[in-house]
Structure formats: C-alpha cells, structure tokens
Amino acid sequence: MAKTTGQCHCGAIQYEVDGDLTGVINCHCGDCRRWHGHHAAYAVVALSDFKISKGEDQLKWYDSSAKARRGFCTECGSSIFKDNKDGENIVLSVGALNTPTGLSYLKDICTESKGDYYA
C-alpha cells in the first residue's frame, strides 16, 4: 500500500500512515455532530501505522468522553483525529486526508442518534 498523508487546514500539523485504512465510516452520534458541525466521516488505522510528521507541538487533545479524545490544531482549529483510547487504533477525519485517498464508503453508524434535520 502507498503511504497516505493528511494535514489540518493550515498545514501546521501533518501526518503519515503506512498501513491500510478502513473504508469511510459516517458517524451520526451527537458527539461527532457537535465536533464536526454535522455527521463525521472517518477511516480507522492501526496506531502503530500512524505518525505525526510535523507540528506535534500544535496538536491539542480534548477529552470528549471517558472513551474518546479528539485531536485538533491549535492554529486553525481543524478536527483531524479521534482516539478511542484503546491503544490500538486511531480514527482519522477523512476530510483531512490528502487526495487521492483511494477510500470507499463502508457504512453509517449511530444513525439512531442522527440529527432531526436529515433523513
């Protein structure tokens, strides 16, 4: 597999993935909707295949629940990762991936808590 890269909006934080990503998972839970302003599109990768290549000092983590923390850029505010605190995987916001991603839609999750403004 080719190396996948991504970054925040301003480019202060950049990262690399040397492993396989899942397909795109759309999460409709209330936490993700509040964090992203709508449902969130993610891909999951093994934490061992992920590294921040630039700007780790610009990264801030927000503990959004007992089970998850969310990483964002202190410069531009981009939400770029979610860590489920399992020590195994990191969840990447697919909008922060550089194209081409080669990813395809996989599934929707937490649809029972989706916003009341869309079907």
C-alpha atoms as a PDB file:
ATOM      1  CA  MET A   1       0.000   0.000   0.000  1.00  0.00           C
ATOM      2  CA  ALA A   2       1.146   3.534  -0.756  1.00  0.00           C
ATOM      3  CA  LYS A   3       1.730   5.961   2.080  1.00  0.00           C
ATOM      4  CA  THR A   4      -1.314   8.020   2.998  1.00  0.00           C
ATOM      5  CA  THR A   5      -0.835  11.568   4.250  1.00  0.00           C
ATOM      6  CA  GLY A   6      -3.050  14.164   5.818  1.00  0.00           C
ATOM      7  CA  GLN A   7      -2.979  17.552   7.465  1.00  0.00           C
ATOM      8  CA  CYS A   8      -5.004  20.191   9.228  1.00  0.00           C
ATOM      9  CA  HIS A   9      -6.448  23.134   7.264  1.00  0.00           C
ATOM     10  CA  CYS A  10      -3.426  25.416   7.739  1.00  0.00           C
ATOM     11  CA  GLY A  11      -0.817  22.649   7.330  1.00  0.00           C
ATOM     12  CA  ALA A  12       0.746  23.176  10.772  1.00  0.00           C
ATOM     13  CA  ILE A  13       0.032  19.502  11.641  1.00  0.00           C
ATOM     14  CA  GLN A  14       0.864  16.824   9.115  1.00  0.00           C
ATOM     15  CA  TYR A  15       0.797  13.048   9.455  1.00  0.00           C
ATOM     16  CA  GLU A  16       1.612   9.844   7.604  1.00  0.00           C
ATOM     17  CA  VAL A  17       0.011   6.418   7.534  1.00  0.00           C
ATOM     18  CA  ASP A  18       1.984   3.348   6.472  1.00  0.00           C
ATOM     19  CA  GLY A  19      -0.859   0.836   6.672  1.00  0.00           C
ATOM     20  CA  ASP A  20      -4.319   0.027   5.481  1.00  0.00           C
ATOM     21  CA  LEU A  21      -7.212   2.316   6.326  1.00  0.00           C
ATOM     22  CA  THR A  22     -10.759   1.073   6.676  1.00  0.00           C
ATOM     23  CA  GLY A  23     -13.368   2.355   4.285  1.00  0.00           C
ATOM     24  CA  VAL A  24     -15.210   5.560   5.163  1.00  0.00           C
ATOM     25  CA  ILE A  25     -17.435   5.281   8.241  1.00  0.00           C
ATOM     26  CA  ASN A  26     -20.007   8.038   8.712  1.00  0.00           C
ATOM     27  CA  CYS A  27     -20.814   8.565  12.395  1.00  0.00           C
ATOM     28  CA  HIS A  28     -24.064  10.325  13.277  1.00  0.00           C
ATOM     29  CA  CYS A  29     -23.722  10.397  17.086  1.00  0.00           C
ATOM     30  CA  GLY A  30     -24.310  13.619  18.972  1.00  0.00           C
ATOM     31  CA  ASP A  31     -20.641  13.987  19.948  1.00  0.00           C
ATOM     32  CA  CYS A  32     -19.445  13.751  16.349  1.00  0.00           C
ATOM     33  CA  ARG A  33     -22.175  16.082  15.097  1.00  0.00           C
ATOM     34  CA  ARG A  34     -21.216  18.714  17.673  1.00  0.00           C
ATOM     35  CA  TRP A  35     -17.496  18.313  16.975  1.00  0.00           C
ATOM     36  CA  HIS A  36     -17.774  18.499  13.184  1.00  0.00           C
ATOM     37  CA  GLY A  37     -20.975  20.515  12.755  1.00  0.00           C
ATOM     38  CA  HIS A  38     -22.652  17.536  11.065  1.00  0.00           C
ATOM     39  CA  HIS A  39     -22.065  13.802  10.844  1.00  0.00           C
ATOM     40  CA  ALA A  40     -18.407  12.836  10.740  1.00  0.00           C
ATOM     41  CA  ALA A  41     -16.616  10.838   8.058  1.00  0.00           C
ATOM     42  CA  TYR A  42     -13.799   8.702   9.444  1.00  0.00           C
ATOM     43  CA  ALA A  43     -11.335   5.993   8.486  1.00  0.00           C
ATOM     44  CA  VAL A  44      -9.587   3.842  11.069  1.00  0.00           C
ATOM     45  CA  VAL A  45      -5.924   2.777  11.026  1.00  0.00           C
ATOM     46  CA  ALA A  46      -3.672   0.911  13.439  1.00  0.00           C
ATOM     47  CA  LEU A  47      -1.932   3.318  15.799  1.00  0.00           C
ATOM     48  CA  SER A  48       1.358   1.558  15.024  1.00  0.00           C
ATOM     49  CA  ASP A  49       0.968   2.583  11.343  1.00  0.00           C
ATOM     50  CA  PHE A  50       0.403   6.263  12.155  1.00  0.00           C
ATOM     51  CA  LYS A  51       2.871   9.051  12.900  1.00  0.00           C
ATOM     52  CA  ILE A  52       2.760  12.812  13.118  1.00  0.00           C
ATOM     53  CA  SER A  53       5.430  14.109  10.752  1.00  0.00           C
ATOM     54  CA  LYS A  54       5.101  17.826  11.517  1.00  0.00           C
ATOM     55  CA  GLY A  55       3.582  20.054  14.151  1.00  0.00           C
ATOM     56  CA  GLU A  56       3.046  17.785  17.135  1.00  0.00           C
ATOM     57  CA  ASP A  57       3.520  20.895  19.277  1.00  0.00           C
ATOM     58  CA  GLN A  58       0.438  22.411  17.553  1.00  0.00           C
ATOM     59  CA  LEU A  59      -1.742  19.405  18.467  1.00  0.00           C
ATOM     60  CA  LYS A  60      -4.208  19.734  21.332  1.00  0.00           C
ATOM     61  CA  TRP A  61      -6.318  16.870  22.684  1.00  0.00           C
ATOM     62  CA  TYR A  62      -9.820  17.330  24.056  1.00  0.00           C
ATOM     63  CA  ASP A  63     -11.250  14.539  26.236  1.00  0.00           C
ATOM     64  CA  SER A  64     -14.768  14.378  24.819  1.00  0.00           C
ATOM     65  CA  SER A  65     -15.813  11.351  26.881  1.00  0.00           C
ATOM     66  CA  ALA A  66     -14.407   8.640  29.117  1.00  0.00           C
ATOM     67  CA  LYS A  67     -13.804   6.550  25.976  1.00  0.00           C
ATOM     68  CA  ALA A  68     -12.543   9.105  23.470  1.00  0.00           C
ATOM     69  CA  ARG A  69     -10.381  12.151  22.942  1.00  0.00           C
ATOM     70  CA  ARG A  70     -10.282  14.349  19.869  1.00  0.00           C
ATOM     71  CA  GLY A  71      -7.222  15.967  18.359  1.00  0.00           C
ATOM     72  CA  PHE A  72      -7.266  19.378  16.763  1.00  0.00           C
ATOM     73  CA  CYS A  73      -4.885  22.070  15.541  1.00  0.00           C
ATOM     74  CA  THR A  74      -4.348  24.965  17.941  1.00  0.00           C
ATOM     75  CA  GLU A  75      -3.659  27.279  14.984  1.00  0.00           C
ATOM     76  CA  CYS A  76      -6.621  26.691  12.637  1.00  0.00           C
ATOM     77  CA  GLY A  77      -8.932  24.564  14.803  1.00  0.00           C
ATOM     78  CA  SER A  78      -9.238  21.661  12.354  1.00  0.00           C
ATOM     79  CA  SER A  79     -10.517  18.461  13.938  1.00  0.00           C
ATOM     80  CA  ILE A  80      -8.231  15.837  12.474  1.00  0.00           C
ATOM     81  CA  PHE A  81      -8.269  12.702  14.652  1.00  0.00           C
ATOM     82  CA  LYS A  82     -10.223  10.829  17.252  1.00  0.00           C
ATOM     83  CA  ASP A  83      -8.522   8.467  19.680  1.00  0.00           C
ATOM     84  CA  ASN A  84     -10.836   5.883  21.239  1.00  0.00           C
ATOM     85  CA  LYS A  85      -8.211   5.349  23.958  1.00  0.00           C
ATOM     86  CA  ASP A  86      -7.896   1.660  23.115  1.00  0.00           C
ATOM     87  CA  GLY A  87      -4.163   1.880  22.366  1.00  0.00           C
ATOM     88  CA  GLU A  88      -4.704   0.013  19.094  1.00  0.00           C
ATOM     89  CA  ASN A  89      -6.288   2.340  16.545  1.00  0.00           C
ATOM     90  CA  ILE A  90      -6.636   5.986  15.643  1.00  0.00           C
ATOM     91  CA  VAL A  91      -9.685   7.359  13.854  1.00  0.00           C
ATOM     92  CA  LEU A  92      -8.850   9.872  11.113  1.00  0.00           C
ATOM     93  CA  SER A  93     -11.203  12.555   9.813  1.00  0.00           C
ATOM     94  CA  VAL A  94     -11.208  11.681   6.116  1.00  0.00           C
ATOM     95  CA  GLY A  95     -11.657  15.316   5.118  1.00  0.00           C
ATOM     96  CA  ALA A  96      -8.121  15.943   6.421  1.00  0.00           C
ATOM     97  CA  LEU A  97      -6.582  13.250   4.191  1.00  0.00           C
ATOM     98  CA  ASN A  98      -4.659  14.384   1.131  1.00  0.00           C
ATOM     99  CA  THR A  99      -6.119  13.146  -2.133  1.00  0.00           C
ATOM    100  CA  PRO A 100      -6.295  10.769  -3.762  1.00  0.00           C
ATOM    101  CA  THR A 101      -7.353   8.681  -0.775  1.00  0.00           C
ATOM    102  CA  GLY A 102      -8.420   5.551  -2.632  1.00  0.00           C
ATOM    103  CA  LEU A 103     -11.115   5.059   0.007  1.00  0.00           C
ATOM    104  CA  SER A 104     -14.716   3.988  -0.498  1.00  0.00           C
ATOM    105  CA  TYR A 105     -17.827   4.268   1.633  1.00  0.00           C
ATOM    106  CA  LEU A 106     -18.082   1.442   4.176  1.00  0.00           C
ATOM    107  CA  LYS A 107     -21.027   2.141   6.494  1.00  0.00           C
ATOM    108  CA  ASP A 108     -23.045   4.542   8.630  1.00  0.00           C
ATOM    109  CA  ILE A 109     -23.051   4.166  12.417  1.00  0.00           C
ATOM    110  CA  CYS A 110     -25.075   5.648  15.280  1.00  0.00           C
ATOM    111  CA  THR A 111     -27.908   6.539  12.919  1.00  0.00           C
ATOM    112  CA  GLU A 112     -30.386   6.228  15.800  1.00  0.00           C
ATOM    113  CA  SER A 113     -28.998   9.498  17.177  1.00  0.00           C
ATOM    114  CA  LYS A 114     -28.746  11.389  13.894  1.00  0.00           C
ATOM    115  CA  GLY A 115     -29.948  14.962  13.669  1.00  0.00           C
ATOM    116  CA  ASP A 116     -33.670  15.507  13.161  1.00  0.00           C
ATOM    117  CA  TYR A 117     -32.977  17.700  10.117  1.00  0.00           C
ATOM    118  CA  TYR A 118     -31.951  14.968   7.659  1.00  0.00           C
ATOM    119  CA  ALA A 119     -33.294  11.599   6.535  1.00  0.00           C
END
